[in-house]
Amino acid sequence: MGDAYLLVSIIIAVALIFDYTNGFHDAANAIATSVETKALRPKQALALAAVGNLVGAFISEGVAKTVGSGIIDVTPSVSGLYVVLGGVFGAIAWNMITWWFGIPSSSSHALIGGLVGAALASSEVVHWTGVIQKVAIPMVISPVVGFSLAFGLTALLQYIFRNAKRSTVSKYFKGAQICSATAMSVGHGLQDAQKTMGVMTLALVVGGFHSGDSIPVWVKISAALAIAAGTYAGGWRIMKTLGKRMVHIDQLRGVASETVASSILFVLAINFKAPISTTHTITSAIIGSGATRGKKAVSWPVVGKILTAWVITVPMAALSAAAMVYLTKFLGFH
């Protein structure tokens, strides 16, 4: 029990570190467009995103339960705890690599890839049906829907305001973008903070300190605070990619992309309990909104790099997690 207690404590600490890195890695998801269009100053945007993430973390438990019990089954044991630890380490490793290069990859898919890789390396059960239905299918559908709806909404807004003065449009959409950025921040907390809650609860169950898939209140509070703190720390490298390098975003397009992306996050989290990627959703929405200017308005080489990162995130995080599991076995920890 003493070894299990120590390992669970380490996993919870590492999971909260992941949650923190998720916050600064994905902070750009909620605020890149509002900062780029000057609807908000950077510090204002970061504070708004931090509060939004904190609020979103308490709205639902669906995503947390999917991550905690719908992706892998781990045998309650010390060895099982190393599986969970390896999964989180794999996700952190990939998060740090993509953050360093300013690539908006998915923290969600890094975590899920890490858990699957660690489970496979330890011959634990992987719920492939859950992985396909809750992860793989939404991973493909959400960017397509995000791109299409953002393109359509942007075109509609442009038509509605086609005869309005630029100053009038700018004034109206500045306020609207603050609202859409808030919704995006809450949606990010609703999705990403819950994934950490799921991992922490999984560790407690495997360690024998909790039963069932309910999320303890202290787990909710600590995960919410960690992602809020990470968000406030900022993610300037990725913010530049989303706000400048990929497409030129004005306030109308910022509102359109954030409204579409946040709506998708809420619907899939609450109605389907699907742990989708906030990064994929907002990035595809931004591309769709920018594409209304024509093909040349989008930096397709940058988009290509982002898509490459999306494709390799799950396998690379899985490999990192598997390597961590094999290393702990080689060192004789389990």
C-alpha atoms as a PDB file:
ATOM      1  CA  MET A   1       0.000   0.000   0.000  1.00  0.00           C
ATOM      2  CA  GLY A   2       2.910   2.316   0.716  1.00  0.00           C
ATOM      3  CA  ASP A   3       4.344   1.889  -2.800  1.00  0.00           C
ATOM      4  CA  ALA A   4       0.898   2.383  -4.301  1.00  0.00           C
ATOM      5  CA  TYR A   5       0.332   5.557  -2.268  1.00  0.00           C
ATOM      6  CA  LEU A   6       3.660   6.996  -3.394  1.00  0.00           C
ATOM      7  CA  LEU A   7       3.036   6.123  -7.042  1.00  0.00           C
ATOM      8  CA  VAL A   8      -0.483   7.537  -7.018  1.00  0.00           C
ATOM      9  CA  SER A   9       0.872  10.752  -5.500  1.00  0.00           C
ATOM     10  CA  ILE A  10       3.524  10.954  -8.229  1.00  0.00           C
ATOM     11  CA  ILE A  11       0.969  10.284 -10.973  1.00  0.00           C
ATOM     12  CA  ILE A  12      -1.343  12.978  -9.643  1.00  0.00           C
ATOM     13  CA  ALA A  13       1.552  15.451  -9.500  1.00  0.00           C
ATOM     14  CA  VAL A  14       2.645  14.547 -13.040  1.00  0.00           C
ATOM     15  CA  ALA A  15      -0.958  14.704 -14.297  1.00  0.00           C
ATOM     16  CA  LEU A  16      -1.291  18.216 -12.881  1.00  0.00           C
ATOM     17  CA  ILE A  17       1.975  19.157 -14.591  1.00  0.00           C
ATOM     18  CA  PHE A  18       0.483  17.828 -17.829  1.00  0.00           C
ATOM     19  CA  ASP A  19      -2.639  19.886 -17.117  1.00  0.00           C
ATOM     20  CA  TYR A  20      -0.475  22.961 -16.646  1.00  0.00           C
ATOM     21  CA  THR A  21       1.422  22.324 -19.914  1.00  0.00           C
ATOM     22  CA  ASN A  22      -1.934  21.743 -21.596  1.00  0.00           C
ATOM     23  CA  GLY A  23      -2.970  25.195 -20.416  1.00  0.00           C
ATOM     24  CA  PHE A  24      -0.010  27.094 -21.831  1.00  0.00           C
ATOM     25  CA  HIS A  25       0.231  24.800 -24.876  1.00  0.00           C
ATOM     26  CA  ASP A  26      -3.428  25.339 -25.797  1.00  0.00           C
ATOM     27  CA  ALA A  27      -3.942  28.874 -24.480  1.00  0.00           C
ATOM     28  CA  ALA A  28      -3.656  30.069 -28.061  1.00  0.00           C
ATOM     29  CA  ASN A  29      -6.766  28.078 -28.954  1.00  0.00           C
ATOM     30  CA  ALA A  30      -8.975  30.513 -27.106  1.00  0.00           C
ATOM     31  CA  ILE A  31      -7.197  33.829 -27.447  1.00  0.00           C
ATOM     32  CA  ALA A  32      -4.998  33.900 -30.569  1.00  0.00           C
ATOM     33  CA  THR A  33      -7.593  35.549 -32.790  1.00  0.00           C
ATOM     34  CA  SER A  34      -8.787  38.068 -30.183  1.00  0.00           C
ATOM     35  CA  VAL A  35      -5.189  39.171 -29.525  1.00  0.00           C
ATOM     36  CA  GLU A  36      -4.336  39.333 -33.227  1.00  0.00           C
ATOM     37  CA  THR A  37      -7.383  41.486 -34.002  1.00  0.00           C
ATOM     38  CA  LYS A  38      -6.708  43.646 -30.908  1.00  0.00           C
ATOM     39  CA  ALA A  39     -10.137  42.907 -29.479  1.00  0.00           C
ATOM     40  CA  LEU A  40      -8.251  42.153 -26.254  1.00  0.00           C
ATOM     41  CA  ARG A  41      -4.799  42.974 -24.963  1.00  0.00           C
ATOM     42  CA  PRO A  42      -2.633  39.887 -24.333  1.00  0.00           C
ATOM     43  CA  LYS A  43      -2.877  39.983 -20.537  1.00  0.00           C
ATOM     44  CA  GLN A  44      -6.629  40.586 -20.683  1.00  0.00           C
ATOM     45  CA  ALA A  45      -7.036  37.672 -23.081  1.00  0.00           C
ATOM     46  CA  LEU A  46      -4.942  35.346 -20.922  1.00  0.00           C
ATOM     47  CA  ALA A  47      -6.910  36.261 -17.791  1.00  0.00           C
ATOM     48  CA  LEU A  48     -10.190  35.703 -19.629  1.00  0.00           C
ATOM     49  CA  ALA A  49      -8.989  32.339 -20.948  1.00  0.00           C
ATOM     50  CA  ALA A  50      -7.823  31.270 -17.485  1.00  0.00           C
ATOM     51  CA  VAL A  51     -11.180  32.067 -15.899  1.00  0.00           C
ATOM     52  CA  GLY A  52     -13.040  30.415 -18.770  1.00  0.00           C
ATOM     53  CA  ASN A  53     -10.992  27.232 -18.398  1.00  0.00           C
ATOM     54  CA  LEU A  54     -11.671  27.218 -14.663  1.00  0.00           C
ATOM     55  CA  VAL A  55     -15.434  27.522 -15.210  1.00  0.00           C
ATOM     56  CA  GLY A  56     -15.515  24.961 -18.014  1.00  0.00           C
ATOM     57  CA  ALA A  57     -13.820  22.341 -15.873  1.00  0.00           C
ATOM     58  CA  PHE A  58     -16.870  22.124 -13.588  1.00  0.00           C
ATOM     59  CA  ILE A  59     -19.652  21.950 -16.181  1.00  0.00           C
ATOM     60  CA  SER A  60     -19.682  18.225 -16.912  1.00  0.00           C
ATOM     61  CA  GLU A  61     -17.973  14.913 -16.099  1.00  0.00           C
ATOM     62  CA  GLY A  62     -18.656  13.103 -19.368  1.00  0.00           C
ATOM     63  CA  VAL A  63     -15.241  13.559 -20.981  1.00  0.00           C
ATOM     64  CA  ALA A  64     -13.451  12.749 -17.719  1.00  0.00           C
ATOM     65  CA  LYS A  65     -15.341   9.464 -17.404  1.00  0.00           C
ATOM     66  CA  THR A  66     -14.539   8.525 -20.994  1.00  0.00           C
ATOM     67  CA  VAL A  67     -10.818   9.089 -20.452  1.00  0.00           C
ATOM     68  CA  GLY A  68     -10.848   7.441 -17.030  1.00  0.00           C
ATOM     69  CA  SER A  69     -12.668   4.252 -17.965  1.00  0.00           C
ATOM     70  CA  GLY A  70     -13.548   4.207 -21.668  1.00  0.00           C
ATOM     71  CA  ILE A  71     -10.120   4.070 -23.307  1.00  0.00           C
ATOM     72  CA  ILE A  72      -8.086   1.457 -21.394  1.00  0.00           C
ATOM     73  CA  ASP A  73      -8.535  -0.982 -18.514  1.00  0.00           C
ATOM     74  CA  VAL A  74      -5.623  -1.236 -16.116  1.00  0.00           C
ATOM     75  CA  THR A  75      -5.165  -4.029 -13.585  1.00  0.00           C
ATOM     76  CA  PRO A  76      -5.236  -2.606 -10.025  1.00  0.00           C
ATOM     77  CA  SER A  77      -1.590  -3.056  -9.031  1.00  0.00           C
ATOM     78  CA  VAL A  78       1.732  -1.252  -8.774  1.00  0.00           C
ATOM     79  CA  SER A  79       2.500  -2.317 -12.358  1.00  0.00           C
ATOM     80  CA  GLY A  80      -0.829  -0.837 -13.425  1.00  0.00           C
ATOM     81  CA  LEU A  81       0.135   2.483 -11.894  1.00  0.00           C
ATOM     82  CA  TYR A  82       3.294   2.531 -14.001  1.00  0.00           C
ATOM     83  CA  VAL A  83       1.071   2.165 -17.053  1.00  0.00           C
ATOM     84  CA  VAL A  84      -0.854   5.307 -16.095  1.00  0.00           C
ATOM     85  CA  LEU A  85       2.378   7.150 -15.281  1.00  0.00           C
ATOM     86  CA  GLY A  86       3.905   6.153 -18.622  1.00  0.00           C
ATOM     87  CA  GLY A  87       0.837   7.394 -20.472  1.00  0.00           C
ATOM     88  CA  VAL A  88       1.010  10.838 -18.877  1.00  0.00           C
ATOM     89  CA  PHE A  89       4.768  11.132 -19.440  1.00  0.00           C
ATOM     90  CA  GLY A  90       4.286  10.288 -23.113  1.00  0.00           C
ATOM     91  CA  ALA A  91       1.727  13.073 -23.456  1.00  0.00           C
ATOM     92  CA  ILE A  92       3.937  15.624 -21.690  1.00  0.00           C
ATOM     93  CA  ALA A  93       6.920  14.750 -23.887  1.00  0.00           C
ATOM     94  CA  TRP A  94       4.970  15.326 -27.084  1.00  0.00           C
ATOM     95  CA  ASN A  95       3.379  18.507 -25.714  1.00  0.00           C
ATOM     96  CA  MET A  96       6.773  20.011 -24.984  1.00  0.00           C
ATOM     97  CA  ILE A  97       8.196  19.080 -28.383  1.00  0.00           C
ATOM     98  CA  THR A  98       5.302  20.610 -30.325  1.00  0.00           C
ATOM     99  CA  TRP A  99       5.202  23.682 -28.062  1.00  0.00           C
ATOM    100  CA  TRP A 100       8.902  24.302 -28.673  1.00  0.00           C
ATOM    101  CA  PHE A 101       8.370  24.316 -32.427  1.00  0.00           C
ATOM    102  CA  GLY A 102       5.166  26.350 -32.186  1.00  0.00           C
ATOM    103  CA  ILE A 103       2.989  23.607 -33.676  1.00  0.00           C
ATOM    104  CA  PRO A 104      -0.653  23.551 -32.499  1.00  0.00           C
ATOM    105  CA  SER A 105      -0.944  19.808 -31.998  1.00  0.00           C
ATOM    106  CA  SER A 106      -3.534  18.141 -29.783  1.00  0.00           C
ATOM    107  CA  SER A 107      -2.860  17.682 -26.072  1.00  0.00           C
ATOM    108  CA  SER A 108      -5.975  15.504 -25.977  1.00  0.00           C
ATOM    109  CA  HIS A 109      -4.711  13.081 -28.576  1.00  0.00           C
ATOM    110  CA  ALA A 110      -1.251  13.116 -26.994  1.00  0.00           C
ATOM    111  CA  LEU A 111      -2.783  11.981 -23.707  1.00  0.00           C
ATOM    112  CA  ILE A 112      -4.961   9.316 -25.294  1.00  0.00           C
ATOM    113  CA  GLY A 113      -2.064   8.116 -27.462  1.00  0.00           C
ATOM    114  CA  GLY A 114       0.104   7.946 -24.356  1.00  0.00           C
ATOM    115  CA  LEU A 115      -2.442   5.865 -22.448  1.00  0.00           C
ATOM    116  CA  VAL A 116      -2.925   3.464 -25.373  1.00  0.00           C
ATOM    117  CA  GLY A 117       0.833   3.102 -25.926  1.00  0.00           C
ATOM    118  CA  ALA A 118       1.485   2.415 -22.255  1.00  0.00           C
ATOM    119  CA  ALA A 119      -1.365  -0.120 -22.122  1.00  0.00           C
ATOM    120  CA  LEU A 120      -0.092  -1.972 -25.191  1.00  0.00           C
ATOM    121  CA  ALA A 121       3.453  -2.057 -23.808  1.00  0.00           C
ATOM    122  CA  SER A 122       2.089  -3.694 -20.640  1.00  0.00           C
ATOM    123  CA  SER A 123      -0.418  -6.020 -22.326  1.00  0.00           C
ATOM    124  CA  GLU A 124      -3.317  -4.228 -20.671  1.00  0.00           C
ATOM    125  CA  VAL A 125      -6.780  -3.964 -22.256  1.00  0.00           C
ATOM    126  CA  VAL A 126      -7.400  -1.219 -24.824  1.00  0.00           C
ATOM    127  CA  HIS A 127     -11.052  -0.473 -25.588  1.00  0.00           C
ATOM    128  CA  TRP A 128     -10.634  -0.130 -29.341  1.00  0.00           C
ATOM    129  CA  THR A 129     -14.346   0.478 -29.829  1.00  0.00           C
ATOM    130  CA  GLY A 130     -14.136   3.442 -27.467  1.00  0.00           C
ATOM    131  CA  VAL A 131     -10.941   4.691 -29.135  1.00  0.00           C
ATOM    132  CA  ILE A 132     -12.562   4.522 -32.579  1.00  0.00           C
ATOM    133  CA  GLN A 133     -15.974   5.930 -31.616  1.00  0.00           C
ATOM    134  CA  LYS A 134     -14.886   8.542 -29.073  1.00  0.00           C
ATOM    135  CA  VAL A 135     -11.508   9.557 -30.506  1.00  0.00           C
ATOM    136  CA  ALA A 136     -10.746   8.478 -34.072  1.00  0.00           C
ATOM    137  CA  ILE A 137     -14.100   9.343 -35.674  1.00  0.00           C
ATOM    138  CA  PRO A 138     -14.441  12.747 -33.915  1.00  0.00           C
ATOM    139  CA  MET A 139     -10.771  13.422 -34.786  1.00  0.00           C
ATOM    140  CA  VAL A 140     -11.692  13.253 -38.469  1.00  0.00           C
ATOM    141  CA  ILE A 141     -15.171  14.752 -38.304  1.00  0.00           C
ATOM    142  CA  SER A 142     -14.593  17.774 -36.030  1.00  0.00           C
ATOM    143  CA  PRO A 143     -11.999  19.498 -38.278  1.00  0.00           C
ATOM    144  CA  VAL A 144     -14.132  18.914 -41.388  1.00  0.00           C
ATOM    145  CA  VAL A 145     -17.225  20.287 -39.661  1.00  0.00           C
ATOM    146  CA  GLY A 146     -15.209  23.147 -38.157  1.00  0.00           C
ATOM    147  CA  PHE A 147     -13.792  24.152 -41.539  1.00  0.00           C
ATOM    148  CA  SER A 148     -17.140  23.906 -43.346  1.00  0.00           C
ATOM    149  CA  LEU A 149     -19.260  25.715 -40.748  1.00  0.00           C
ATOM    150  CA  ALA A 150     -16.703  28.493 -40.252  1.00  0.00           C
ATOM    151  CA  PHE A 151     -16.452  29.016 -44.007  1.00  0.00           C
ATOM    152  CA  GLY A 152     -20.253  29.173 -44.260  1.00  0.00           C
ATOM    153  CA  LEU A 153     -20.734  31.451 -41.243  1.00  0.00           C
ATOM    154  CA  THR A 154     -18.009  33.829 -42.417  1.00  0.00           C
ATOM    155  CA  ALA A 155     -19.541  34.046 -45.873  1.00  0.00           C
ATOM    156  CA  LEU A 156     -22.962  34.714 -44.328  1.00  0.00           C
ATOM    157  CA  LEU A 157     -21.649  37.460 -42.039  1.00  0.00           C
ATOM    158  CA  GLN A 158     -19.809  39.080 -44.927  1.00  0.00           C
ATOM    159  CA  TYR A 159     -23.024  39.131 -46.941  1.00  0.00           C
ATOM    160  CA  ILE A 160     -25.083  40.553 -44.079  1.00  0.00           C
ATOM    161  CA  PHE A 161     -22.594  43.353 -43.408  1.00  0.00           C
ATOM    162  CA  ARG A 162     -21.558  43.929 -47.027  1.00  0.00           C
ATOM    163  CA  ASN A 163     -22.849  47.526 -47.055  1.00  0.00           C
ATOM    164  CA  ALA A 164     -21.832  48.457 -43.501  1.00  0.00           C
ATOM    165  CA  LYS A 165     -18.969  50.829 -42.774  1.00  0.00           C
ATOM    166  CA  ARG A 166     -15.713  49.167 -41.778  1.00  0.00           C
ATOM    167  CA  SER A 167     -15.623  51.154 -38.507  1.00  0.00           C
ATOM    168  CA  THR A 168     -19.148  50.014 -37.619  1.00  0.00           C
ATOM    169  CA  VAL A 169     -18.338  46.375 -38.338  1.00  0.00           C
ATOM    170  CA  SER A 170     -15.122  46.610 -36.334  1.00  0.00           C
ATOM    171  CA  LYS A 171     -16.892  48.142 -33.329  1.00  0.00           C
ATOM    172  CA  TYR A 172     -19.672  45.530 -33.345  1.00  0.00           C
ATOM    173  CA  PHE A 173     -17.424  42.524 -33.786  1.00  0.00           C
ATOM    174  CA  LYS A 174     -14.910  43.645 -31.185  1.00  0.00           C
ATOM    175  CA  GLY A 175     -17.511  43.119 -28.471  1.00  0.00           C
ATOM    176  CA  ALA A 176     -18.775  39.951 -30.130  1.00  0.00           C
ATOM    177  CA  GLN A 177     -15.287  38.525 -30.229  1.00  0.00           C
ATOM    178  CA  ILE A 178     -14.850  38.941 -26.492  1.00  0.00           C
ATOM    179  CA  CYS A 179     -17.992  36.807 -26.089  1.00  0.00           C
ATOM    180  CA  SER A 180     -16.819  34.177 -28.592  1.00  0.00           C
ATOM    181  CA  ALA A 181     -13.352  34.028 -26.981  1.00  0.00           C
ATOM    182  CA  THR A 182     -15.036  33.481 -23.612  1.00  0.00           C
ATOM    183  CA  ALA A 183     -17.107  30.632 -25.045  1.00  0.00           C
ATOM    184  CA  MET A 184     -13.971  29.103 -26.564  1.00  0.00           C
ATOM    185  CA  SER A 185     -12.166  29.305 -23.205  1.00  0.00           C
ATOM    186  CA  VAL A 186     -15.037  27.624 -21.359  1.00  0.00           C
ATOM    187  CA  GLY A 187     -15.198  24.950 -24.061  1.00  0.00           C
ATOM    188  CA  HIS A 188     -11.476  24.290 -23.665  1.00  0.00           C
ATOM    189  CA  GLY A 189     -11.888  23.810 -19.912  1.00  0.00           C
ATOM    190  CA  LEU A 190     -14.922  21.606 -20.515  1.00  0.00           C
ATOM    191  CA  GLN A 191     -12.798  19.366 -22.735  1.00  0.00           C
ATOM    192  CA  ASP A 192      -9.176  19.487 -21.634  1.00  0.00           C
ATOM    193  CA  ALA A 193      -9.346  19.906 -17.860  1.00  0.00           C
ATOM    194  CA  GLN A 194     -11.661  16.900 -17.710  1.00  0.00           C
ATOM    195  CA  LYS A 195      -9.097  14.713 -19.463  1.00  0.00           C
ATOM    196  CA  THR A 196      -6.680  15.284 -16.596  1.00  0.00           C
ATOM    197  CA  MET A 197      -9.468  14.598 -14.101  1.00  0.00           C
ATOM    198  CA  GLY A 198     -10.057  11.277 -15.852  1.00  0.00           C
ATOM    199  CA  VAL A 199      -6.391  10.281 -15.580  1.00  0.00           C
ATOM    200  CA  MET A 200      -6.202  11.263 -11.921  1.00  0.00           C
ATOM    201  CA  THR A 201      -9.345   9.252 -11.149  1.00  0.00           C
ATOM    202  CA  LEU A 202      -7.967   6.286 -13.107  1.00  0.00           C
ATOM    203  CA  ALA A 203      -4.808   6.396 -10.959  1.00  0.00           C
ATOM    204  CA  LEU A 204      -6.877   6.468  -7.760  1.00  0.00           C
ATOM    205  CA  VAL A 205      -8.927   3.465  -8.932  1.00  0.00           C
ATOM    206  CA  VAL A 206      -5.884   1.446 -10.031  1.00  0.00           C
ATOM    207  CA  GLY A 207      -4.151   2.273  -6.748  1.00  0.00           C
ATOM    208  CA  GLY A 208      -7.153   1.118  -4.733  1.00  0.00           C
ATOM    209  CA  PHE A 209      -8.023   4.530  -3.293  1.00  0.00           C
ATOM    210  CA  HIS A 210     -11.290   5.094  -5.160  1.00  0.00           C
ATOM    211  CA  SER A 211     -14.066   3.019  -6.716  1.00  0.00           C
ATOM    212  CA  GLY A 212     -16.348   3.743  -9.641  1.00  0.00           C
ATOM    213  CA  ASP A 213     -15.954   6.466 -12.257  1.00  0.00           C
ATOM    214  CA  SER A 214     -17.257   9.437 -10.252  1.00  0.00           C
ATOM    215  CA  ILE A 215     -14.824  12.348 -10.059  1.00  0.00           C
ATOM    216  CA  PRO A 216     -13.805  13.429  -6.526  1.00  0.00           C
ATOM    217  CA  VAL A 217     -14.368  17.124  -5.840  1.00  0.00           C
ATOM    218  CA  TRP A 218     -10.721  17.746  -4.934  1.00  0.00           C
ATOM    219  CA  VAL A 219      -9.672  16.241  -8.283  1.00  0.00           C
ATOM    220  CA  LYS A 220     -11.962  18.668 -10.111  1.00  0.00           C
ATOM    221  CA  ILE A 221     -10.655  21.656  -8.174  1.00  0.00           C
ATOM    222  CA  SER A 222      -6.953  20.814  -8.570  1.00  0.00           C
ATOM    223  CA  ALA A 223      -7.266  20.041 -12.296  1.00  0.00           C
ATOM    224  CA  ALA A 224      -9.265  23.221 -12.905  1.00  0.00           C
ATOM    225  CA  LEU A 225      -6.726  25.375 -11.075  1.00  0.00           C
ATOM    226  CA  ALA A 226      -3.760  23.750 -12.851  1.00  0.00           C
ATOM    227  CA  ILE A 227      -5.125  24.323 -16.345  1.00  0.00           C
ATOM    228  CA  ALA A 228      -6.160  27.870 -15.429  1.00  0.00           C
ATOM    229  CA  ALA A 229      -2.653  28.629 -14.145  1.00  0.00           C
ATOM    230  CA  GLY A 230      -1.071  27.133 -17.260  1.00  0.00           C
ATOM    231  CA  THR A 231      -3.382  29.136 -19.480  1.00  0.00           C
ATOM    232  CA  TYR A 232      -2.442  32.368 -17.744  1.00  0.00           C
ATOM    233  CA  ALA A 233       1.233  31.540 -18.277  1.00  0.00           C
ATOM    234  CA  GLY A 234       0.489  31.853 -21.993  1.00  0.00           C
ATOM    235  CA  GLY A 235       1.513  30.049 -25.147  1.00  0.00           C
ATOM    236  CA  TRP A 236       3.040  32.724 -27.329  1.00  0.00           C
ATOM    237  CA  ARG A 237       4.814  30.397 -29.782  1.00  0.00           C
ATOM    238  CA  ILE A 238       1.618  28.647 -30.816  1.00  0.00           C
ATOM    239  CA  MET A 239      -0.387  31.864 -30.633  1.00  0.00           C
ATOM    240  CA  LYS A 240       1.749  33.341 -33.413  1.00  0.00           C
ATOM    241  CA  THR A 241       1.062  30.324 -35.607  1.00  0.00           C
ATOM    242  CA  LEU A 242      -2.714  30.494 -35.168  1.00  0.00           C
ATOM    243  CA  GLY A 243      -3.006  34.273 -35.218  1.00  0.00           C
ATOM    244  CA  LYS A 244      -0.491  35.273 -37.896  1.00  0.00           C
ATOM    245  CA  ARG A 245       1.389  32.597 -39.787  1.00  0.00           C
ATOM    246  CA  MET A 246      -1.528  30.489 -40.971  1.00  0.00           C
ATOM    247  CA  VAL A 247      -4.103  33.060 -42.114  1.00  0.00           C
ATOM    248  CA  HIS A 248      -4.805  36.743 -41.615  1.00  0.00           C
ATOM    249  CA  ILE A 249      -7.641  37.039 -39.110  1.00  0.00           C
ATOM    250  CA  ASP A 250      -9.884  40.074 -38.700  1.00  0.00           C
ATOM    251  CA  GLN A 251     -12.575  40.489 -36.050  1.00  0.00           C
ATOM    252  CA  LEU A 252     -15.396  39.122 -38.186  1.00  0.00           C
ATOM    253  CA  ARG A 253     -13.428  35.965 -38.940  1.00  0.00           C
ATOM    254  CA  GLY A 254     -12.340  35.702 -35.319  1.00  0.00           C
ATOM    255  CA  VAL A 255     -15.966  35.700 -34.170  1.00  0.00           C
ATOM    256  CA  ALA A 256     -16.989  33.194 -36.846  1.00  0.00           C
ATOM    257  CA  SER A 257     -14.198  30.707 -36.138  1.00  0.00           C
ATOM    258  CA  GLU A 258     -14.501  30.890 -32.346  1.00  0.00           C
ATOM    259  CA  THR A 259     -18.297  30.615 -32.397  1.00  0.00           C
ATOM    260  CA  VAL A 260     -18.170  27.515 -34.580  1.00  0.00           C
ATOM    261  CA  ALA A 261     -15.321  25.864 -32.655  1.00  0.00           C
ATOM    262  CA  SER A 262     -16.799  26.477 -29.196  1.00  0.00           C
ATOM    263  CA  SER A 263     -20.193  25.141 -30.334  1.00  0.00           C
ATOM    264  CA  ILE A 264     -18.584  21.903 -31.531  1.00  0.00           C
ATOM    265  CA  LEU A 265     -16.700  21.524 -28.236  1.00  0.00           C
ATOM    266  CA  PHE A 266     -19.853  21.933 -26.170  1.00  0.00           C
ATOM    267  CA  VAL A 267     -22.023  19.618 -28.280  1.00  0.00           C
ATOM    268  CA  LEU A 268     -19.529  16.759 -28.429  1.00  0.00           C
ATOM    269  CA  ALA A 269     -18.503  17.041 -24.769  1.00  0.00           C
ATOM    270  CA  ILE A 270     -21.986  17.230 -23.265  1.00  0.00           C
ATOM    271  CA  ASN A 271     -24.031  15.145 -25.721  1.00  0.00           C
ATOM    272  CA  PHE A 272     -21.471  12.527 -26.767  1.00  0.00           C
ATOM    273  CA  LYS A 273     -18.860  12.624 -23.956  1.00  0.00           C
ATOM    274  CA  ALA A 274     -16.217  12.625 -26.695  1.00  0.00           C
ATOM    275  CA  PRO A 275     -12.726  13.894 -25.751  1.00  0.00           C
ATOM    276  CA  ILE A 276     -12.117  15.831 -28.965  1.00  0.00           C
ATOM    277  CA  SER A 277      -9.221  18.116 -29.728  1.00  0.00           C
ATOM    278  CA  THR A 278      -9.783  21.820 -29.111  1.00  0.00           C
ATOM    279  CA  THR A 279      -6.678  22.440 -31.218  1.00  0.00           C
ATOM    280  CA  HIS A 280      -8.000  20.581 -34.264  1.00  0.00           C
ATOM    281  CA  THR A 281     -11.392  22.232 -33.958  1.00  0.00           C
ATOM    282  CA  ILE A 282     -10.314  25.871 -33.688  1.00  0.00           C
ATOM    283  CA  THR A 283      -7.450  25.505 -36.170  1.00  0.00           C
ATOM    284  CA  SER A 284      -9.730  24.052 -38.848  1.00  0.00           C
ATOM    285  CA  ALA A 285     -12.317  26.757 -38.128  1.00  0.00           C
ATOM    286  CA  ILE A 286      -9.692  29.483 -38.540  1.00  0.00           C
ATOM    287  CA  ILE A 287      -8.565  27.951 -41.844  1.00  0.00           C
ATOM    288  CA  GLY A 288     -12.165  27.715 -43.043  1.00  0.00           C
ATOM    289  CA  SER A 289     -12.870  31.312 -42.100  1.00  0.00           C
ATOM    290  CA  GLY A 290      -9.696  32.543 -43.767  1.00  0.00           C
ATOM    291  CA  ALA A 291     -10.349  30.498 -46.900  1.00  0.00           C
ATOM    292  CA  THR A 292     -13.284  32.782 -47.771  1.00  0.00           C
ATOM    293  CA  ARG A 293     -10.638  35.217 -49.043  1.00  0.00           C
ATOM    294  CA  GLY A 294      -9.426  32.627 -51.536  1.00  0.00           C
ATOM    295  CA  LYS A 295      -6.720  29.965 -51.666  1.00  0.00           C
ATOM    296  CA  LYS A 296      -3.880  32.472 -51.454  1.00  0.00           C
ATOM    297  CA  ALA A 297      -5.160  33.814 -48.124  1.00  0.00           C
ATOM    298  CA  VAL A 298      -4.102  30.627 -46.362  1.00  0.00           C
ATOM    299  CA  SER A 299      -0.456  29.672 -45.800  1.00  0.00           C
ATOM    300  CA  TRP A 300      -0.790  26.095 -46.979  1.00  0.00           C
ATOM    301  CA  PRO A 301       2.826  25.113 -46.130  1.00  0.00           C
ATOM    302  CA  VAL A 302       2.094  26.012 -42.483  1.00  0.00           C
ATOM    303  CA  VAL A 303      -1.195  24.110 -42.668  1.00  0.00           C
ATOM    304  CA  GLY A 304       0.704  21.124 -44.057  1.00  0.00           C
ATOM    305  CA  LYS A 305       3.073  21.108 -41.076  1.00  0.00           C
ATOM    306  CA  ILE A 306       0.120  21.305 -38.701  1.00  0.00           C
ATOM    307  CA  LEU A 307      -1.661  18.417 -40.428  1.00  0.00           C
ATOM    308  CA  THR A 308       1.508  16.338 -40.253  1.00  0.00           C
ATOM    309  CA  ALA A 309       1.695  16.955 -36.505  1.00  0.00           C
ATOM    310  CA  TRP A 310      -1.956  15.949 -36.170  1.00  0.00           C
ATOM    311  CA  VAL A 311      -1.359  12.651 -37.950  1.00  0.00           C
ATOM    312  CA  ILE A 312       1.720  11.663 -35.942  1.00  0.00           C
ATOM    313  CA  THR A 313       0.609  12.904 -32.505  1.00  0.00           C
ATOM    314  CA  VAL A 314      -1.125   9.705 -31.358  1.00  0.00           C
ATOM    315  CA  PRO A 315       1.610   7.282 -32.522  1.00  0.00           C
ATOM    316  CA  MET A 316       4.470   9.471 -31.277  1.00  0.00           C
ATOM    317  CA  ALA A 317       2.897   9.950 -27.851  1.00  0.00           C
ATOM    318  CA  ALA A 318       2.172   6.210 -27.763  1.00  0.00           C
ATOM    319  CA  LEU A 319       5.811   5.400 -28.560  1.00  0.00           C
ATOM    320  CA  SER A 320       7.040   7.823 -25.888  1.00  0.00           C
ATOM    321  CA  ALA A 321       4.726   6.262 -23.309  1.00  0.00           C
ATOM    322  CA  ALA A 322       5.711   2.723 -24.301  1.00  0.00           C
ATOM    323  CA  ALA A 323       9.379   3.652 -23.981  1.00  0.00           C
ATOM    324  CA  MET A 324       8.692   4.972 -20.480  1.00  0.00           C
ATOM    325  CA  VAL A 325       6.974   1.709 -19.502  1.00  0.00           C
ATOM    326  CA  TYR A 326       9.801  -0.436 -20.904  1.00  0.00           C
ATOM    327  CA  LEU A 327      12.355   1.748 -19.110  1.00  0.00           C
ATOM    328  CA  THR A 328      10.659   1.285 -15.723  1.00  0.00           C
ATOM    329  CA  LYS A 329      10.478  -2.457 -16.361  1.00  0.00           C
ATOM    330  CA  PHE A 330      14.157  -2.572 -17.351  1.00  0.00           C
ATOM    331  CA  LEU A 331      15.104  -0.720 -14.166  1.00  0.00           C
ATOM    332  CA  GLY A 332      13.145  -3.266 -12.149  1.00  0.00           C
ATOM    333  CA  PHE A 333      10.444  -0.994 -10.772  1.00  0.00           C
ATOM    334  CA  HIS A 334       7.729  -3.503 -11.740  1.00  0.00           C
END
